[in-house]
């Protein structure tokens, strides 16, 4: 039996969710195209870091508007449960076997970038959008979060002129990762452990040489991530009562 859900925090939560997703992407695209290059020798990813910091304004504006500053998913740092984090951490960390191509300066710059980008993306996706959809059945909530996350990568990729090979890799990864992280958030509640997992995944992808990971590995990682996310959602739905934060104002 599907666990009972709480009332929607706003009228038209689906429209709000799409608006937040589009708004975040719009800020990223406008900032990326409009800001002058900021790369410096000691911090080559400075421009991308600034872009992601600016995009944080979109989810934070929603948090401020709805009075969500004390929501457990935002306020709490420790996960409510540790065990669901381990499988994805192992799957993501296993990419290290395909090598590390970053030098010391590039590594430090990339670490800062992936942490800031993961924070920005988790705030809008598994944070605000998932909370806006909290009245939706958990399975479809996780699917919606994943689809919005993946489609957003298509939009920004097309506008920024990404190659089709890049989109073919990035979009399914983003959609399935978004789904799995949404399912994981239902169990751990806090988005901050998800920031760490997300950053780890992005770091190892950026650190490896292009084409270093075979297709069978990529396909296997996607299938494992999807299966784990689905298992987490179905396990969550079997709970007699859905654990949910109190509504914002």
Protein backbone atom coordinates (compact mmCIF):
# COMPACT_ATOMS: atom_id res chain seq x y z
CA UNK A 1 0.00 0.00 0.00
CA UNK A 2 1.28 3.46 -0.85
CA UNK A 3 2.22 5.52 2.17
CA UNK A 4 -0.04 8.49 2.88
CA UNK A 5 1.30 11.86 1.83
CA UNK A 6 1.00 15.36 3.22
CA UNK A 7 -0.75 18.28 1.59
CA UNK A 8 0.96 20.18 -1.19
CA UNK A 9 2.88 23.20 0.16
CA UNK A 10 1.68 25.49 -2.66
CA UNK A 11 -1.08 25.69 -5.22
CA UNK A 12 0.02 24.30 -8.59
CA UNK A 13 3.14 22.49 -7.31
CA UNK A 14 3.90 21.11 -10.78
CA UNK A 15 4.05 24.60 -12.26
CA UNK A 16 6.24 25.77 -9.40
CA UNK A 17 8.57 22.82 -9.94
CA UNK A 18 8.96 23.48 -13.65
CA UNK A 19 9.43 27.20 -12.98
CA UNK A 20 12.22 26.50 -10.46
CA UNK A 21 13.95 24.08 -12.86
CA UNK A 22 13.72 26.50 -15.79
CA UNK A 23 14.69 29.46 -13.61
CA UNK A 24 17.83 27.73 -12.34
CA UNK A 25 18.88 26.76 -15.87
CA UNK A 26 18.14 30.26 -17.15
CA UNK A 27 20.43 31.83 -14.57
CA UNK A 28 23.19 29.34 -15.44
CA UNK A 29 22.89 30.03 -19.17
CA UNK A 30 22.65 33.81 -18.84
CA UNK A 31 25.55 33.96 -16.39
CA UNK A 32 27.68 31.61 -18.47
CA UNK A 33 27.10 33.64 -21.65
CA UNK A 34 27.08 37.08 -20.07
CA UNK A 35 30.00 37.05 -17.64
CA UNK A 36 33.47 37.80 -18.87
CA UNK A 37 35.98 34.91 -18.65
CA UNK A 38 37.24 34.46 -15.09
CA UNK A 39 39.68 31.58 -15.45
CA UNK A 40 43.03 32.23 -13.80
CA UNK A 41 46.09 30.02 -13.68
CA UNK A 42 45.59 29.15 -10.01
CA UNK A 43 41.83 28.60 -10.35
CA UNK A 44 40.81 27.58 -13.88
CA UNK A 45 37.21 26.82 -12.86
CA UNK A 46 36.54 30.17 -11.19
CA UNK A 47 33.98 31.24 -13.81
CA UNK A 48 31.95 28.04 -13.50
CA UNK A 49 32.01 28.34 -9.71
CA UNK A 50 30.63 31.89 -9.89
CA UNK A 51 27.90 30.79 -12.31
CA UNK A 52 26.74 28.03 -9.96
CA UNK A 53 26.83 30.35 -6.96
CA UNK A 54 24.62 32.84 -8.80
CA UNK A 55 22.17 30.06 -9.69
CA UNK A 56 21.75 29.30 -5.97
CA UNK A 57 19.65 32.47 -5.80
CA UNK A 58 16.72 30.68 -7.48
CA UNK A 59 16.14 27.89 -4.91
CA UNK A 60 17.08 30.18 -2.02
CA UNK A 61 14.46 32.69 -3.17
CA UNK A 62 11.82 29.93 -3.02
CA UNK A 63 13.06 28.86 0.42
CA UNK A 64 12.76 32.46 1.63
CA UNK A 65 9.33 32.94 0.04
CA UNK A 66 7.89 29.80 1.63
CA UNK A 67 9.69 30.10 4.96
CA UNK A 68 11.58 26.83 4.56
CA UNK A 69 14.80 27.82 6.34
CA UNK A 70 14.14 25.36 9.18
CA UNK A 71 13.08 22.46 7.01
CA UNK A 72 14.94 19.27 8.05
CA UNK A 73 16.17 18.63 4.51
CA UNK A 74 17.95 22.00 4.56
CA UNK A 75 18.81 22.50 8.24
CA UNK A 76 20.04 19.04 9.16
CA UNK A 77 23.50 17.91 8.09
CA UNK A 78 23.59 14.35 9.41
CA UNK A 79 21.49 11.84 7.46
CA UNK A 80 18.58 10.18 9.26
CA UNK A 81 19.97 6.85 7.96
CA UNK A 82 23.53 6.10 6.87
CA UNK A 83 23.14 2.72 5.15
CA UNK A 84 21.40 3.96 1.96
CA UNK A 85 24.42 6.14 1.14
CA UNK A 86 26.91 3.27 0.92
CA UNK A 87 25.83 1.56 -2.36
CA UNK A 88 25.93 4.72 -4.45
CA UNK A 89 29.18 5.81 -2.81
CA UNK A 90 30.76 2.50 -3.87
CA UNK A 91 29.36 2.69 -7.41
CA UNK A 92 30.58 6.26 -7.89
CA UNK A 93 33.98 5.73 -6.24
CA UNK A 94 34.69 2.67 -8.38
CA UNK A 95 35.36 4.94 -11.40
CA UNK A 96 38.76 5.73 -9.90
CA UNK A 97 40.04 2.46 -11.40
CA UNK A 98 39.97 4.17 -14.81
CA UNK A 99 42.56 6.72 -13.80
CA UNK A 100 43.12 10.24 -12.52
CA UNK A 101 44.37 12.77 -15.07
CA UNK A 102 44.23 15.99 -13.01
CA UNK A 103 47.33 17.74 -11.78
CA UNK A 104 47.44 19.40 -8.32
CA UNK A 105 46.13 22.82 -9.42
CA UNK A 106 43.44 21.35 -11.66
CA UNK A 107 42.43 18.94 -8.90
CA UNK A 108 41.92 21.68 -6.31
CA UNK A 109 39.99 23.82 -8.79
CA UNK A 110 37.82 20.87 -9.82
CA UNK A 111 37.07 19.88 -6.22
CA UNK A 112 35.79 23.40 -5.48
CA UNK A 113 33.74 23.39 -8.68
CA UNK A 114 32.04 20.05 -8.09
CA UNK A 115 31.21 20.93 -4.48
CA UNK A 116 29.66 24.27 -5.44
CA UNK A 117 27.84 22.83 -8.46
CA UNK A 118 26.51 19.89 -6.45
CA UNK A 119 25.30 22.24 -3.72
CA UNK A 120 23.52 24.44 -6.24
CA UNK A 121 21.92 21.50 -8.05
CA UNK A 122 20.86 19.66 -4.90
CA UNK A 123 19.30 22.83 -3.51
CA UNK A 124 17.01 23.31 -6.48
CA UNK A 125 16.37 19.67 -7.42
CA UNK A 126 16.36 17.32 -4.42
CA UNK A 127 15.73 20.30 -2.15
CA UNK A 128 13.15 22.74 -3.43
CA UNK A 129 11.58 20.80 -6.32
CA UNK A 130 11.27 17.59 -4.33
CA UNK A 131 9.69 19.50 -1.45
CA UNK A 132 7.24 21.23 -3.79
CA UNK A 133 6.13 17.78 -4.98
CA UNK A 134 5.88 16.19 -1.53
CA UNK A 135 2.13 15.53 -1.97
CA UNK A 136 2.86 13.37 -5.04
CA UNK A 137 3.25 9.61 -4.67
CA UNK A 138 6.94 8.93 -3.85
CA UNK A 139 7.60 6.94 -7.04
CA UNK A 140 6.27 9.64 -9.35
CA UNK A 141 7.90 12.34 -7.23
CA UNK A 142 11.32 10.72 -7.76
CA UNK A 143 10.61 10.22 -11.47
CA UNK A 144 9.61 13.88 -11.84
CA UNK A 145 12.74 15.08 -10.05
CA UNK A 146 14.91 12.88 -12.27
CA UNK A 147 13.21 13.93 -15.51
CA UNK A 148 13.40 17.64 -14.68
CA UNK A 149 17.07 17.20 -13.80
CA UNK A 150 17.83 15.37 -17.05
CA UNK A 151 15.80 17.63 -19.33
CA UNK A 152 17.54 20.62 -17.79
CA UNK A 153 20.87 19.24 -18.99
CA UNK A 154 19.44 19.05 -22.51
CA UNK A 155 18.36 22.69 -22.43
CA UNK A 156 21.62 24.07 -21.11
CA UNK A 157 23.64 21.74 -23.35
CA UNK A 158 21.86 22.89 -26.51
CA UNK A 159 22.08 26.59 -25.63
CA UNK A 160 25.76 26.33 -24.70
CA UNK A 161 26.56 24.39 -27.87
CA UNK A 162 27.46 21.03 -26.36
CA UNK A 163 28.27 18.18 -28.72
CA UNK A 164 25.72 15.39 -29.25
CA UNK A 165 28.18 12.90 -27.74
CA UNK A 166 28.23 14.97 -24.56
CA UNK A 167 24.44 15.12 -24.38
CA UNK A 168 24.11 11.39 -25.08
CA UNK A 169 26.30 10.74 -22.06
CA UNK A 170 25.11 13.50 -19.75
CA UNK A 171 21.32 13.36 -20.11
CA UNK A 172 20.66 9.69 -19.20
CA UNK A 173 23.23 9.89 -16.42
CA UNK A 174 21.62 13.05 -15.04
CA UNK A 175 18.08 11.66 -15.27
CA UNK A 176 18.90 8.37 -13.55
CA UNK A 177 21.16 10.01 -10.99
CA UNK A 178 18.46 12.57 -10.25
CA UNK A 179 15.92 9.79 -9.75
CA UNK A 180 18.22 7.79 -7.47
CA UNK A 181 19.22 10.81 -5.38
CA UNK A 182 15.56 11.77 -5.01
CA UNK A 183 14.81 8.27 -3.74
CA UNK A 184 17.80 8.46 -1.43
CA UNK A 185 16.67 11.80 -0.01
CA UNK A 186 13.43 10.17 1.15
CA UNK A 187 15.48 7.98 3.49
CA UNK A 188 18.30 10.28 4.58
CA UNK A 189 16.14 13.49 4.57
CA UNK A 190 19.09 15.91 4.49
CA UNK A 191 20.34 17.08 1.10
CA UNK A 192 23.91 17.58 2.34
CA UNK A 193 25.02 13.94 2.13
CA UNK A 194 23.62 13.99 -1.41
CA UNK A 195 25.86 16.96 -2.18
CA UNK A 196 28.85 14.83 -1.20
CA UNK A 197 27.77 11.89 -3.39
CA UNK A 198 26.94 14.15 -6.31
CA UNK A 199 30.29 15.94 -6.04
CA UNK A 200 32.15 12.61 -5.85
CA UNK A 201 30.45 11.38 -9.02
CA UNK A 202 31.21 14.56 -10.95
CA UNK A 203 34.80 14.74 -9.70
CA UNK A 204 35.73 11.27 -10.91
CA UNK A 205 34.06 11.84 -14.29
CA UNK A 206 36.04 15.05 -14.76
CA UNK A 207 39.27 13.47 -13.53
CA UNK A 208 39.33 10.55 -15.95
CA UNK A 209 40.73 10.70 -19.46
CA UNK A 210 38.12 11.08 -22.24
CA UNK A 211 36.94 7.68 -23.38
CA UNK A 212 38.69 5.88 -20.53
CA UNK A 213 35.51 4.23 -19.24
CA UNK A 214 34.14 1.43 -21.47
CA UNK A 215 30.52 1.50 -22.59
CA UNK A 216 29.68 -1.67 -20.69
CA UNK A 217 30.77 -0.01 -17.45
CA UNK A 218 28.67 3.09 -18.11
CA UNK A 219 25.64 0.95 -18.93
CA UNK A 220 26.16 -1.20 -15.84
CA UNK A 221 26.48 1.84 -13.59
CA UNK A 222 23.26 3.31 -14.98
CA UNK A 223 21.36 0.04 -14.49
CA UNK A 224 22.65 -0.42 -10.94
CA UNK A 225 21.83 3.18 -10.03
CA UNK A 226 18.33 2.91 -11.53
CA UNK A 227 17.63 -0.41 -9.79
CA UNK A 228 18.87 0.88 -6.45
CA UNK A 229 16.77 4.04 -6.75
CA UNK A 230 13.66 2.04 -7.62
CA UNK A 231 14.27 -0.32 -4.71
CA UNK A 232 14.66 2.64 -2.33
CA UNK A 233 11.40 4.23 -3.51
CA UNK A 234 9.40 1.00 -3.22
CA UNK A 235 10.88 0.34 0.21
CA UNK A 236 9.90 3.86 1.24
CA UNK A 237 6.35 3.45 -0.06
CA UNK A 238 5.88 0.38 2.11
CA UNK A 239 6.24 2.49 5.25
CA UNK A 240 2.93 2.83 7.12
CA UNK A 241 3.39 6.61 7.41
CA UNK A 242 5.47 8.88 5.22
CA UNK A 243 7.94 10.93 7.24
CA UNK A 244 7.50 14.49 6.10
CA UNK A 245 8.55 17.90 7.33
CA UNK A 246 5.91 20.39 8.44
CA UNK A 247 4.63 22.62 5.71
CA UNK A 248 6.08 26.07 5.19
CA UNK A 249 3.85 29.02 5.59
